[in-house]
Amino acid sequence: MQFIDQARIAVQAGRGGDGIVAFRREKYVPAGGPSGGDGGKGGDIWLEADANLQTLLDFKYRRQFVAPEGRRGGRNRSSGASGETLTIKVPCGTEVRDLGTTILLGDLTEPGQRLLVAAGGRGGLGNAHYLSNRNRAPEKFTEGKEGEAWNLQLELKLLAEVGIIGLPNAGKSTLISVLSAARPKIADYPFTTLVPNLGVVRRPSGDGTVFADIPGLIAGAAQGAGLGHDFLRHIERTRLLIHLVDASAEDVVRDLTVVEGELRAYGHGLEDRPRLVALNKVELLLEEELADVSERVADHCGQPVLLISAATSKGLEPLLVEVWRELERRKQEEAALLESSALQSTND
């Protein structure tokens, strides 16, 4: 399956049906009278988040969406049928923007969440609406209104609590394959991972936490170099980053700095996102070499460094313990912030 995380679509809501001019022609009703019915409302267009979708691939083949029109009014004050609502399914995590202004119209993050993106046109009025003491036989009616039409930009941002970042060949795909049931393509050459991989890692409580393996960043990724630029957006929603570094690299601190620079250049608060630094492939180094490398990395980061080997599963349990601890701390901070905001609103 192709991973498509951006799409442009055009939506056209249904036109309202026209009202009509009609008069009663019934036996034993000598005066008759206007009886033209109203037109039906045009169909609306909604976007709905669907947990079963993982990509915007469907919009590669269909980009025009038109809702049905409302029907004309009928005789005997019969209203025309309204156009059926058109519902377009999108993956959870889809941002919807107006293509012309880039204004954010909605962010569909929860399954079943809906967003009205184009309202159907109002139906026209039949001549029965214009009956008055002065005009007993009106021949006036109104036409239905056109439905709304918009060009939209859809952008998928994966809903993962933990993002695994690092240079190509740092071992991100191996790590997520060991921690979860994900089975990404793994090889010993750069850019093996061409799309983000998601994996669910079980907590001791039994709950699942989504981890995302983000394709390798390189220098200049934030400006469009390599693959990382296309997927940096997917770590915007994460609560925690695991920065994986190849312990056997020629210059570990330089590799660390490259990714840090790209996070800083991309912005969106990624530079300040809580981050665990883990040296991977430690089985390739002697104890003296590993001690020297870890000390230099810790001095650069200003925080303790985790030593792991995704290939041999060494050090993964302490890594997960730190992940759960950090996520819990983040959730408590967010809850406290929400409580403070609610209290401030009440006082105001």
C-alpha atoms as a PDB file:
ATOM      1  CA  MET A   1       0.000   0.000   0.000  1.00  0.00           C
ATOM      2  CA  GLN A   2       1.308   3.438  -0.922  1.00  0.00           C
ATOM      3  CA  PHE A   3       1.689   5.947   1.895  1.00  0.00           C
ATOM      4  CA  ILE A   4       0.151   9.250   0.799  1.00  0.00           C
ATOM      5  CA  ASP A   5       0.020  11.936   3.489  1.00  0.00           C
ATOM      6  CA  GLN A   6      -1.001  15.008   1.459  1.00  0.00           C
ATOM      7  CA  ALA A   7      -3.852  15.520  -0.980  1.00  0.00           C
ATOM      8  CA  ARG A   8      -5.840  18.289  -2.625  1.00  0.00           C
ATOM      9  CA  ILE A   9      -9.534  17.904  -3.297  1.00  0.00           C
ATOM     10  CA  ALA A  10     -12.386  20.045  -4.632  1.00  0.00           C
ATOM     11  CA  VAL A  11     -15.805  19.821  -2.983  1.00  0.00           C
ATOM     12  CA  GLN A  12     -19.080  21.143  -4.376  1.00  0.00           C
ATOM     13  CA  ALA A  13     -22.188  20.981  -2.203  1.00  0.00           C
ATOM     14  CA  GLY A  14     -25.544  20.392  -3.872  1.00  0.00           C
ATOM     15  CA  ARG A  15     -27.633  23.206  -5.322  1.00  0.00           C
ATOM     16  CA  GLY A  16     -30.998  23.839  -3.705  1.00  0.00           C
ATOM     17  CA  GLY A  17     -34.089  22.868  -5.685  1.00  0.00           C
ATOM     18  CA  ASP A  18     -36.293  25.572  -7.233  1.00  0.00           C
ATOM     19  CA  GLY A  19     -39.682  26.509  -5.873  1.00  0.00           C
ATOM     20  CA  ILE A  20     -42.532  26.319  -8.399  1.00  0.00           C
ATOM     21  CA  VAL A  21     -45.681  28.187  -9.402  1.00  0.00           C
ATOM     22  CA  ALA A  22     -48.815  26.044  -9.179  1.00  0.00           C
ATOM     23  CA  PHE A  23     -52.503  26.568  -8.449  1.00  0.00           C
ATOM     24  CA  ARG A  24     -55.161  24.303  -7.046  1.00  0.00           C
ATOM     25  CA  ARG A  25     -57.592  23.021  -9.630  1.00  0.00           C
ATOM     26  CA  GLU A  26     -59.874  20.865  -7.533  1.00  0.00           C
ATOM     27  CA  LYS A  27     -63.516  20.121  -7.943  1.00  0.00           C
ATOM     28  CA  TYR A  28     -65.712  22.017  -5.482  1.00  0.00           C
ATOM     29  CA  VAL A  29     -62.886  24.452  -4.700  1.00  0.00           C
ATOM     30  CA  PRO A  30     -63.938  27.400  -6.846  1.00  0.00           C
ATOM     31  CA  ALA A  31     -61.467  29.925  -5.477  1.00  0.00           C
ATOM     32  CA  GLY A  32     -58.461  27.667  -6.025  1.00  0.00           C
ATOM     33  CA  GLY A  33     -55.298  29.259  -4.756  1.00  0.00           C
ATOM     34  CA  PRO A  34     -51.514  29.023  -4.999  1.00  0.00           C
ATOM     35  CA  SER A  35     -50.080  25.614  -4.128  1.00  0.00           C
ATOM     36  CA  GLY A  36     -46.486  25.701  -5.398  1.00  0.00           C
ATOM     37  CA  GLY A  37     -44.116  23.881  -3.037  1.00  0.00           C
ATOM     38  CA  ASP A  38     -40.584  24.742  -1.920  1.00  0.00           C
ATOM     39  CA  GLY A  39     -37.458  23.218  -3.389  1.00  0.00           C
ATOM     40  CA  GLY A  40     -35.365  20.804  -1.330  1.00  0.00           C
ATOM     41  CA  LYS A  41     -32.057  21.748   0.273  1.00  0.00           C
ATOM     42  CA  GLY A  42     -28.866  20.726  -1.544  1.00  0.00           C
ATOM     43  CA  GLY A  43     -26.711  17.965  -0.073  1.00  0.00           C
ATOM     44  CA  ASP A  44     -23.978  18.870   2.426  1.00  0.00           C
ATOM     45  CA  ILE A  45     -20.439  17.479   2.303  1.00  0.00           C
ATOM     46  CA  TRP A  46     -18.817  16.227   5.504  1.00  0.00           C
ATOM     47  CA  LEU A  47     -15.400  14.767   6.276  1.00  0.00           C
ATOM     48  CA  GLU A  48     -15.348  11.954   8.832  1.00  0.00           C
ATOM     49  CA  ALA A  49     -12.354  10.406  10.599  1.00  0.00           C
ATOM     50  CA  ASP A  50     -12.111   6.642  10.090  1.00  0.00           C
ATOM     51  CA  ALA A  51      -9.804   4.546  12.277  1.00  0.00           C
ATOM     52  CA  ASN A  52      -9.536   1.911   9.527  1.00  0.00           C
ATOM     53  CA  LEU A  53      -7.747   4.276   7.119  1.00  0.00           C
ATOM     54  CA  GLN A  54      -3.996   4.881   7.385  1.00  0.00           C
ATOM     55  CA  THR A  55      -3.281   6.965   4.277  1.00  0.00           C
ATOM     56  CA  LEU A  56      -4.802   9.517   1.892  1.00  0.00           C
ATOM     57  CA  LEU A  57      -4.238   7.155  -1.040  1.00  0.00           C
ATOM     58  CA  ASP A  58      -7.904   7.225  -2.106  1.00  0.00           C
ATOM     59  CA  PHE A  59      -7.609  10.912  -2.996  1.00  0.00           C
ATOM     60  CA  LYS A  60      -4.853  10.190  -5.491  1.00  0.00           C
ATOM     61  CA  TYR A  61      -7.474   8.733  -7.832  1.00  0.00           C
ATOM     62  CA  ARG A  62     -10.515  10.852  -6.981  1.00  0.00           C
ATOM     63  CA  ARG A  63     -10.245  14.557  -6.258  1.00  0.00           C
ATOM     64  CA  GLN A  64     -13.664  15.948  -7.210  1.00  0.00           C
ATOM     65  CA  PHE A  65     -16.604  15.468  -4.860  1.00  0.00           C
ATOM     66  CA  VAL A  66     -20.071  16.754  -5.745  1.00  0.00           C
ATOM     67  CA  ALA A  67     -23.112  16.336  -3.501  1.00  0.00           C
ATOM     68  CA  PRO A  68     -26.594  15.698  -4.999  1.00  0.00           C
ATOM     69  CA  GLU A  69     -28.893  18.633  -5.731  1.00  0.00           C
ATOM     70  CA  GLY A  70     -32.229  19.239  -4.031  1.00  0.00           C
ATOM     71  CA  ARG A  71     -35.364  18.439  -6.020  1.00  0.00           C
ATOM     72  CA  ARG A  72     -37.887  20.981  -7.281  1.00  0.00           C
ATOM     73  CA  GLY A  73     -41.009  21.677  -5.262  1.00  0.00           C
ATOM     74  CA  GLY A  74     -44.250  19.988  -6.219  1.00  0.00           C
ATOM     75  CA  ARG A  75     -47.912  20.806  -6.417  1.00  0.00           C
ATOM     76  CA  ASN A  76     -50.194  20.912  -3.392  1.00  0.00           C
ATOM     77  CA  ARG A  77     -47.454  22.620  -1.390  1.00  0.00           C
ATOM     78  CA  SER A  78     -45.251  19.531  -1.631  1.00  0.00           C
ATOM     79  CA  SER A  79     -41.618  20.262  -0.792  1.00  0.00           C
ATOM     80  CA  GLY A  80     -38.932  18.782  -2.995  1.00  0.00           C
ATOM     81  CA  ALA A  81     -36.628  16.134  -1.557  1.00  0.00           C
ATOM     82  CA  SER A  82     -33.355  17.340  -0.075  1.00  0.00           C
ATOM     83  CA  GLY A  83     -30.094  16.162  -1.642  1.00  0.00           C
ATOM     84  CA  GLU A  84     -28.381  13.341   0.212  1.00  0.00           C
ATOM     85  CA  THR A  85     -25.456  14.182   2.455  1.00  0.00           C
ATOM     86  CA  LEU A  86     -22.075  13.156   1.051  1.00  0.00           C
ATOM     87  CA  THR A  87     -19.649  11.825   3.683  1.00  0.00           C
ATOM     88  CA  ILE A  88     -15.966  11.495   2.787  1.00  0.00           C
ATOM     89  CA  LYS A  89     -13.870   9.210   5.019  1.00  0.00           C
ATOM     90  CA  VAL A  90     -10.342  10.312   5.961  1.00  0.00           C
ATOM     91  CA  PRO A  91      -7.701   8.842   8.334  1.00  0.00           C
ATOM     92  CA  CYS A  92      -7.559   9.964  11.948  1.00  0.00           C
ATOM     93  CA  GLY A  93      -4.996  12.757  12.238  1.00  0.00           C
ATOM     94  CA  THR A  94      -6.060  14.614   9.070  1.00  0.00           C
ATOM     95  CA  GLU A  95      -5.786  18.399   9.074  1.00  0.00           C
ATOM     96  CA  VAL A  96      -8.116  20.240   6.687  1.00  0.00           C
ATOM     97  CA  ARG A  97      -7.130  23.625   5.289  1.00  0.00           C
ATOM     98  CA  ASP A  98      -8.518  26.016   2.712  1.00  0.00           C
ATOM     99  CA  LEU A  99      -6.158  25.701  -0.242  1.00  0.00           C
ATOM    100  CA  GLY A 100      -6.216  29.395  -1.097  1.00  0.00           C
ATOM    101  CA  THR A 101      -5.690  30.905   2.364  1.00  0.00           C
ATOM    102  CA  THR A 102      -4.147  27.889   4.199  1.00  0.00           C
ATOM    103  CA  ILE A 103      -6.541  28.646   7.090  1.00  0.00           C
ATOM    104  CA  LEU A 104      -7.067  25.579   9.289  1.00  0.00           C
ATOM    105  CA  LEU A 105     -10.711  24.509   9.008  1.00  0.00           C
ATOM    106  CA  GLY A 106     -10.510  21.471  11.264  1.00  0.00           C
ATOM    107  CA  ASP A 107      -8.356  18.712  12.701  1.00  0.00           C
ATOM    108  CA  LEU A 108      -9.925  15.249  12.714  1.00  0.00           C
ATOM    109  CA  THR A 109      -8.153  13.253  15.399  1.00  0.00           C
ATOM    110  CA  GLU A 110     -10.848  11.031  16.923  1.00  0.00           C
ATOM    111  CA  PRO A 111     -12.668   8.151  15.165  1.00  0.00           C
ATOM    112  CA  GLY A 112     -16.106   9.310  14.061  1.00  0.00           C
ATOM    113  CA  GLN A 113     -15.250  13.008  14.375  1.00  0.00           C
ATOM    114  CA  ARG A 114     -16.958  14.986  11.591  1.00  0.00           C
ATOM    115  CA  LEU A 115     -16.344  18.319   9.880  1.00  0.00           C
ATOM    116  CA  LEU A 116     -18.774  20.157   7.590  1.00  0.00           C
ATOM    117  CA  VAL A 117     -16.685  21.393   4.649  1.00  0.00           C
ATOM    118  CA  ALA A 118     -19.415  22.501   2.211  1.00  0.00           C
ATOM    119  CA  ALA A 119     -23.021  23.417   3.045  1.00  0.00           C
ATOM    120  CA  GLY A 120     -25.768  22.637   0.565  1.00  0.00           C
ATOM    121  CA  GLY A 121     -27.705  25.466  -1.057  1.00  0.00           C
ATOM    122  CA  ARG A 122     -31.056  26.544   0.354  1.00  0.00           C
ATOM    123  CA  GLY A 123     -34.151  25.472  -1.548  1.00  0.00           C
ATOM    124  CA  GLY A 124     -36.236  28.069  -3.352  1.00  0.00           C
ATOM    125  CA  LEU A 125     -39.736  29.140  -2.254  1.00  0.00           C
ATOM    126  CA  GLY A 126     -42.899  28.191  -4.121  1.00  0.00           C
ATOM    127  CA  ASN A 127     -45.637  30.689  -4.888  1.00  0.00           C
ATOM    128  CA  ALA A 128     -47.699  29.464  -1.922  1.00  0.00           C
ATOM    129  CA  HIS A 129     -45.347  31.558   0.251  1.00  0.00           C
ATOM    130  CA  TYR A 130     -46.373  34.766  -1.464  1.00  0.00           C
ATOM    131  CA  LEU A 131     -50.138  34.535  -0.898  1.00  0.00           C
ATOM    132  CA  SER A 132     -51.539  37.699   0.715  1.00  0.00           C
ATOM    133  CA  ASN A 133     -54.762  39.655   0.957  1.00  0.00           C
ATOM    134  CA  ARG A 134     -53.562  41.920  -1.822  1.00  0.00           C
ATOM    135  CA  ASN A 135     -52.286  39.151  -4.061  1.00  0.00           C
ATOM    136  CA  ARG A 136     -54.551  36.140  -4.089  1.00  0.00           C
ATOM    137  CA  ALA A 137     -52.914  34.529  -7.125  1.00  0.00           C
ATOM    138  CA  PRO A 138     -49.135  35.130  -6.842  1.00  0.00           C
ATOM    139  CA  GLU A 139     -46.964  33.899  -9.668  1.00  0.00           C
ATOM    140  CA  LYS A 140     -43.737  34.599  -7.873  1.00  0.00           C
ATOM    141  CA  PHE A 141     -41.234  31.919  -6.851  1.00  0.00           C
ATOM    142  CA  THR A 142     -37.522  31.792  -6.078  1.00  0.00           C
ATOM    143  CA  GLU A 143     -34.780  29.582  -7.433  1.00  0.00           C
ATOM    144  CA  GLY A 144     -32.598  27.400  -5.251  1.00  0.00           C
ATOM    145  CA  LYS A 145     -29.236  28.703  -4.073  1.00  0.00           C
ATOM    146  CA  GLU A 146     -25.924  27.256  -5.195  1.00  0.00           C
ATOM    147  CA  GLY A 147     -24.087  25.052  -2.702  1.00  0.00           C
ATOM    148  CA  GLU A 148     -20.706  26.006  -1.322  1.00  0.00           C
ATOM    149  CA  ALA A 149     -17.605  25.073  -3.315  1.00  0.00           C
ATOM    150  CA  TRP A 150     -14.112  24.866  -1.839  1.00  0.00           C
ATOM    151  CA  ASN A 151     -10.650  23.664  -2.735  1.00  0.00           C
ATOM    152  CA  LEU A 152      -9.161  21.871   0.254  1.00  0.00           C
ATOM    153  CA  GLN A 153      -5.704  20.756   1.337  1.00  0.00           C
ATOM    154  CA  LEU A 154      -5.672  17.530   3.351  1.00  0.00           C
ATOM    155  CA  GLU A 155      -2.574  16.779   5.409  1.00  0.00           C
ATOM    156  CA  LEU A 156      -2.155  13.614   7.459  1.00  0.00           C
ATOM    157  CA  LYS A 157      -0.101  13.775  10.641  1.00  0.00           C
ATOM    158  CA  LEU A 158       0.314  10.425  12.328  1.00  0.00           C
ATOM    159  CA  LEU A 159      -1.130  10.043  15.807  1.00  0.00           C
ATOM    160  CA  ALA A 160       1.798   8.582  17.721  1.00  0.00           C
ATOM    161  CA  GLU A 161       2.818   9.373  21.289  1.00  0.00           C
ATOM    162  CA  VAL A 162       6.470   8.433  20.751  1.00  0.00           C
ATOM    163  CA  GLY A 163       8.538   9.297  17.679  1.00  0.00           C
ATOM    164  CA  ILE A 164      11.820   7.536  16.923  1.00  0.00           C
ATOM    165  CA  ILE A 165      14.223   9.817  15.056  1.00  0.00           C
ATOM    166  CA  GLY A 166      17.824   9.651  13.897  1.00  0.00           C
ATOM    167  CA  LEU A 167      20.071   9.511  10.875  1.00  0.00           C
ATOM    168  CA  PRO A 168      19.655   6.730   8.291  1.00  0.00           C
ATOM    169  CA  ASN A 169      20.906   3.367   9.542  1.00  0.00           C
ATOM    170  CA  ALA A 170      20.709   4.397  13.196  1.00  0.00           C
ATOM    171  CA  GLY A 171      18.555   1.307  13.791  1.00  0.00           C
ATOM    172  CA  LYS A 172      15.098   2.909  14.099  1.00  0.00           C
ATOM    173  CA  SER A 173      13.268   0.242  12.088  1.00  0.00           C
ATOM    174  CA  THR A 174      15.020  -2.553  13.990  1.00  0.00           C
ATOM    175  CA  LEU A 175      14.055  -0.967  17.301  1.00  0.00           C
ATOM    176  CA  ILE A 176      10.354  -0.611  16.447  1.00  0.00           C
ATOM    177  CA  SER A 177      10.274  -4.163  15.082  1.00  0.00           C
ATOM    178  CA  VAL A 178      11.661  -5.502  18.374  1.00  0.00           C
ATOM    179  CA  LEU A 179       9.430  -3.393  20.604  1.00  0.00           C
ATOM    180  CA  SER A 180       6.203  -4.018  18.670  1.00  0.00           C
ATOM    181  CA  ALA A 181       4.607  -6.254  16.086  1.00  0.00           C
ATOM    182  CA  ALA A 182       5.556  -3.884  13.249  1.00  0.00           C
ATOM    183  CA  ARG A 183       7.549  -5.498  10.453  1.00  0.00           C
ATOM    184  CA  PRO A 184       9.277  -2.712   8.520  1.00  0.00           C
ATOM    185  CA  LYS A 185      11.774  -3.319   5.744  1.00  0.00           C
ATOM    186  CA  ILE A 186      15.276  -3.505   7.232  1.00  0.00           C
ATOM    187  CA  ALA A 187      18.588  -3.455   5.389  1.00  0.00           C
ATOM    188  CA  ASP A 188      22.129  -2.132   5.833  1.00  0.00           C
ATOM    189  CA  TYR A 189      21.893   0.749   3.355  1.00  0.00           C
ATOM    190  CA  PRO A 190      20.578   4.317   3.881  1.00  0.00           C
ATOM    191  CA  PHE A 191      16.924   5.173   3.278  1.00  0.00           C
ATOM    192  CA  THR A 192      15.655   1.617   3.630  1.00  0.00           C
ATOM    193  CA  THR A 193      12.605   3.175   5.321  1.00  0.00           C
ATOM    194  CA  LEU A 194      10.701   5.226   2.756  1.00  0.00           C
ATOM    195  CA  VAL A 195       7.530   5.776   4.809  1.00  0.00           C
ATOM    196  CA  PRO A 196       6.813   6.138   8.533  1.00  0.00           C
ATOM    197  CA  ASN A 197       6.174   2.851  10.339  1.00  0.00           C
ATOM    198  CA  LEU A 198       3.738   2.587  13.231  1.00  0.00           C
ATOM    199  CA  GLY A 199       3.922   0.000  15.994  1.00  0.00           C
ATOM    200  CA  VAL A 200       1.930  -0.502  19.188  1.00  0.00           C
ATOM    201  CA  VAL A 201       4.067  -1.156  22.277  1.00  0.00           C
ATOM    202  CA  ARG A 202       2.322  -2.660  25.296  1.00  0.00           C
ATOM    203  CA  ARG A 203       2.716  -1.023  28.689  1.00  0.00           C
ATOM    204  CA  PRO A 204       2.938  -3.098  31.883  1.00  0.00           C
ATOM    205  CA  SER A 205      -0.693  -2.077  32.516  1.00  0.00           C
ATOM    206  CA  GLY A 206      -1.706  -3.681  29.216  1.00  0.00           C
ATOM    207  CA  ASP A 207      -2.505  -0.421  27.422  1.00  0.00           C
ATOM    208  CA  GLY A 208      -0.983   0.149  24.015  1.00  0.00           C
ATOM    209  CA  THR A 209       1.173   3.138  23.065  1.00  0.00           C
ATOM    210  CA  VAL A 210       1.805   4.011  19.431  1.00  0.00           C
ATOM    211  CA  PHE A 211       5.453   4.441  18.385  1.00  0.00           C
ATOM    212  CA  ALA A 212       6.390   5.929  14.998  1.00  0.00           C
ATOM    213  CA  ASP A 213       9.633   5.227  13.156  1.00  0.00           C
ATOM    214  CA  ILE A 214      10.310   8.399  11.161  1.00  0.00           C
ATOM    215  CA  PRO A 215      12.405   7.964   7.971  1.00  0.00           C
ATOM    216  CA  GLY A 216      16.006   9.081   8.295  1.00  0.00           C
ATOM    217  CA  LEU A 217      16.860  12.739   8.488  1.00  0.00           C
ATOM    218  CA  ILE A 218      19.949  14.173   6.875  1.00  0.00           C
ATOM    219  CA  ALA A 219      21.562  17.602   6.876  1.00  0.00           C
ATOM    220  CA  GLY A 220      19.252  20.020   5.071  1.00  0.00           C
ATOM    221  CA  ALA A 221      16.110  17.938   5.622  1.00  0.00           C
ATOM    222  CA  ALA A 222      14.125  20.931   6.906  1.00  0.00           C
ATOM    223  CA  GLN A 223      14.882  22.697   3.613  1.00  0.00           C
ATOM    224  CA  GLY A 224      13.815  19.720   1.514  1.00  0.00           C
ATOM    225  CA  ALA A 225      16.892  17.498   1.315  1.00  0.00           C
ATOM    226  CA  GLY A 226      16.528  13.738   1.611  1.00  0.00           C
ATOM    227  CA  LEU A 227      13.379  12.069   2.917  1.00  0.00           C
ATOM    228  CA  GLY A 228      13.094  13.654   6.344  1.00  0.00           C
ATOM    229  CA  HIS A 229      11.447  16.882   5.108  1.00  0.00           C
ATOM    230  CA  ASP A 230       8.437  14.921   3.895  1.00  0.00           C
ATOM    231  CA  PHE A 231       7.891  13.275   7.265  1.00  0.00           C
ATOM    232  CA  LEU A 232       8.973  15.800   9.897  1.00  0.00           C
ATOM    233  CA  ARG A 233       5.307  16.797  10.198  1.00  0.00           C
ATOM    234  CA  HIS A 234       4.521  13.368  11.613  1.00  0.00           C
ATOM    235  CA  ILE A 235       6.405  14.041  14.852  1.00  0.00           C
ATOM    236  CA  GLU A 236       4.545  17.307  15.532  1.00  0.00           C
ATOM    237  CA  ARG A 237       1.882  15.446  17.526  1.00  0.00           C
ATOM    238  CA  THR A 238       4.255  13.251  19.558  1.00  0.00           C
ATOM    239  CA  ARG A 239       4.672  13.758  23.288  1.00  0.00           C
ATOM    240  CA  LEU A 240       8.156  12.263  23.372  1.00  0.00           C
ATOM    241  CA  LEU A 241      11.064  11.687  20.994  1.00  0.00           C
ATOM    242  CA  ILE A 242      13.586   8.856  21.133  1.00  0.00           C
ATOM    243  CA  HIS A 243      16.720  10.130  19.430  1.00  0.00           C
ATOM    244  CA  LEU A 244      18.608   7.063  18.247  1.00  0.00           C
ATOM    245  CA  VAL A 245      22.317   7.389  17.468  1.00  0.00           C
ATOM    246  CA  ASP A 246      24.626   4.782  15.973  1.00  0.00           C
ATOM    247  CA  ALA A 247      27.305   4.251  18.640  1.00  0.00           C
ATOM    248  CA  SER A 248      29.705   2.861  16.011  1.00  0.00           C
ATOM    249  CA  ALA A 249      29.534   5.990  13.814  1.00  0.00           C
ATOM    250  CA  GLU A 250      32.737   7.856  12.972  1.00  0.00           C
ATOM    251  CA  ASP A 251      31.604  11.019  14.814  1.00  0.00           C
ATOM    252  CA  VAL A 252      28.666  10.346  17.122  1.00  0.00           C
ATOM    253  CA  VAL A 253      28.365  13.913  18.418  1.00  0.00           C
ATOM    254  CA  ARG A 254      28.269  15.273  14.861  1.00  0.00           C
ATOM    255  CA  ASP A 255      25.479  12.838  13.953  1.00  0.00           C
ATOM    256  CA  LEU A 256      23.564  13.959  17.004  1.00  0.00           C
ATOM    257  CA  THR A 257      24.043  17.613  16.095  1.00  0.00           C
ATOM    258  CA  VAL A 258      22.788  17.122  12.532  1.00  0.00           C
ATOM    259  CA  VAL A 259      19.389  15.877  13.658  1.00  0.00           C
ATOM    260  CA  GLU A 260      19.138  18.513  16.391  1.00  0.00           C
ATOM    261  CA  GLY A 261      19.803  21.182  13.769  1.00  0.00           C
ATOM    262  CA  GLU A 262      17.014  19.867  11.545  1.00  0.00           C
ATOM    263  CA  LEU A 263      14.523  19.867  14.416  1.00  0.00           C
ATOM    264  CA  ARG A 264      15.518  23.445  15.180  1.00  0.00           C
ATOM    265  CA  ALA A 265      15.215  24.509  11.537  1.00  0.00           C
ATOM    266  CA  TYR A 266      11.814  22.878  11.089  1.00  0.00           C
ATOM    267  CA  GLY A 267      10.365  24.632  14.131  1.00  0.00           C
ATOM    268  CA  HIS A 268       6.858  23.833  15.428  1.00  0.00           C
ATOM    269  CA  GLY A 269       8.315  23.297  18.888  1.00  0.00           C
ATOM    270  CA  LEU A 270      10.206  20.119  17.941  1.00  0.00           C
ATOM    271  CA  GLU A 271      13.477  21.405  19.349  1.00  0.00           C
ATOM    272  CA  ASP A 272      11.903  21.705  22.810  1.00  0.00           C
ATOM    273  CA  ARG A 273      10.027  18.404  22.681  1.00  0.00           C
ATOM    274  CA  PRO A 274      11.050  16.028  25.517  1.00  0.00           C
ATOM    275  CA  ARG A 275      13.715  13.701  24.159  1.00  0.00           C
ATOM    276  CA  LEU A 276      15.502  10.561  25.267  1.00  0.00           C
ATOM    277  CA  VAL A 277      18.913   9.984  23.713  1.00  0.00           C
ATOM    278  CA  ALA A 278      19.855   6.364  23.118  1.00  0.00           C
ATOM    279  CA  LEU A 279      23.130   4.999  21.772  1.00  0.00           C
ATOM    280  CA  ASN A 280      22.322   1.966  19.629  1.00  0.00           C
ATOM    281  CA  LYS A 281      24.545  -0.870  18.362  1.00  0.00           C
ATOM    282  CA  VAL A 282      26.602  -0.839  21.549  1.00  0.00           C
ATOM    283  CA  GLU A 283      27.541  -4.490  20.917  1.00  0.00           C
ATOM    284  CA  LEU A 284      29.943  -3.240  18.222  1.00  0.00           C
ATOM    285  CA  LEU A 285      32.159  -1.321  20.680  1.00  0.00           C
ATOM    286  CA  LEU A 286      34.615  -2.330  23.366  1.00  0.00           C
ATOM    287  CA  GLU A 287      33.789  -1.260  26.915  1.00  0.00           C
ATOM    288  CA  GLU A 288      36.456   1.468  26.932  1.00  0.00           C
ATOM    289  CA  GLU A 289      35.257   2.870  23.597  1.00  0.00           C
ATOM    290  CA  LEU A 290      31.624   2.794  24.688  1.00  0.00           C
ATOM    291  CA  ALA A 291      32.397   4.606  27.929  1.00  0.00           C
ATOM    292  CA  ASP A 292      34.211   7.363  26.029  1.00  0.00           C
ATOM    293  CA  VAL A 293      31.436   7.758  23.421  1.00  0.00           C
ATOM    294  CA  SER A 294      28.626   7.809  25.981  1.00  0.00           C
ATOM    295  CA  GLU A 295      30.467  10.388  28.093  1.00  0.00           C
ATOM    296  CA  ARG A 296      30.937  12.715  25.100  1.00  0.00           C
ATOM    297  CA  VAL A 297      27.282  12.363  24.078  1.00  0.00           C
ATOM    298  CA  ALA A 298      26.062  12.977  27.650  1.00  0.00           C
ATOM    299  CA  ASP A 299      28.228  16.114  27.885  1.00  0.00           C
ATOM    300  CA  HIS A 300      26.766  17.373  24.601  1.00  0.00           C
ATOM    301  CA  CYS A 301      23.135  16.666  25.545  1.00  0.00           C
ATOM    302  CA  GLY A 302      23.341  17.622  29.195  1.00  0.00           C
ATOM    303  CA  GLN A 303      21.346  14.541  30.175  1.00  0.00           C
ATOM    304  CA  PRO A 304      21.950  10.839  30.827  1.00  0.00           C
ATOM    305  CA  VAL A 305      22.334   8.628  27.749  1.00  0.00           C
ATOM    306  CA  LEU A 306      20.710   5.216  27.392  1.00  0.00           C
ATOM    307  CA  LEU A 307      22.822   2.365  26.019  1.00  0.00           C
ATOM    308  CA  ILE A 308      20.902  -0.167  23.938  1.00  0.00           C
ATOM    309  CA  SER A 309      21.264  -2.787  21.249  1.00  0.00           C
ATOM    310  CA  ALA A 310      18.092  -3.228  19.193  1.00  0.00           C
ATOM    311  CA  ALA A 311      19.622  -6.233  17.413  1.00  0.00           C
ATOM    312  CA  THR A 312      20.291  -8.139  20.661  1.00  0.00           C
ATOM    313  CA  SER A 313      17.488  -6.538  22.763  1.00  0.00           C
ATOM    314  CA  LYS A 314      20.050  -5.276  25.276  1.00  0.00           C
ATOM    315  CA  GLY A 315      18.974  -2.273  27.354  1.00  0.00           C
ATOM    316  CA  LEU A 316      15.433  -2.126  25.943  1.00  0.00           C
ATOM    317  CA  GLU A 317      13.709  -2.621  29.298  1.00  0.00           C
ATOM    318  CA  PRO A 318      15.387   0.422  30.904  1.00  0.00           C
ATOM    319  CA  LEU A 319      14.555   2.392  27.755  1.00  0.00           C
ATOM    320  CA  LEU A 320      10.860   1.554  28.050  1.00  0.00           C
ATOM    321  CA  VAL A 321      10.869   2.358  31.759  1.00  0.00           C
ATOM    322  CA  GLU A 322      12.131   5.853  30.917  1.00  0.00           C
ATOM    323  CA  VAL A 323       9.568   6.188  28.110  1.00  0.00           C
ATOM    324  CA  TRP A 324       6.632   5.326  30.409  1.00  0.00           C
ATOM    325  CA  ARG A 325       7.945   7.640  33.126  1.00  0.00           C
ATOM    326  CA  GLU A 326       8.342  10.554  30.730  1.00  0.00           C
ATOM    327  CA  LEU A 327       4.926  10.027  29.126  1.00  0.00           C
ATOM    328  CA  GLU A 328       3.269   9.954  32.533  1.00  0.00           C
ATOM    329  CA  ARG A 329       5.023  13.164  33.504  1.00  0.00           C
ATOM    330  CA  ARG A 330       3.893  14.818  30.269  1.00  0.00           C
ATOM    331  CA  LYS A 331       0.290  13.776  30.798  1.00  0.00           C
ATOM    332  CA  GLN A 332       0.332  15.152  34.336  1.00  0.00           C
ATOM    333  CA  GLU A 333       1.730  18.461  33.072  1.00  0.00           C
ATOM    334  CA  GLU A 334      -0.942  18.675  30.373  1.00  0.00           C
ATOM    335  CA  ALA A 335      -3.703  17.874  32.875  1.00  0.00           C
ATOM    336  CA  ALA A 336      -2.399  20.542  35.257  1.00  0.00           C
ATOM    337  CA  LEU A 337      -2.273  23.061  32.407  1.00  0.00           C
ATOM    338  CA  LEU A 338      -5.859  22.292  31.410  1.00  0.00           C
ATOM    339  CA  GLU A 339      -6.999  22.598  35.010  1.00  0.00           C
ATOM    340  CA  SER A 340      -5.198  25.927  35.363  1.00  0.00           C
ATOM    341  CA  SER A 341      -6.765  27.218  32.123  1.00  0.00           C
ATOM    342  CA  ALA A 342     -10.242  26.162  33.243  1.00  0.00           C
ATOM    343  CA  LEU A 343      -9.749  27.862  36.612  1.00  0.00           C
ATOM    344  CA  GLN A 344      -8.531  31.037  34.908  1.00  0.00           C
ATOM    345  CA  SER A 345     -11.587  31.053  32.620  1.00  0.00           C
ATOM    346  CA  THR A 346     -13.891  30.656  35.639  1.00  0.00           C
ATOM    347  CA  ASN A 347     -12.219  33.565  37.457  1.00  0.00           C
ATOM    348  CA  ASP A 348     -12.464  35.781  34.376  1.00  0.00           C
END
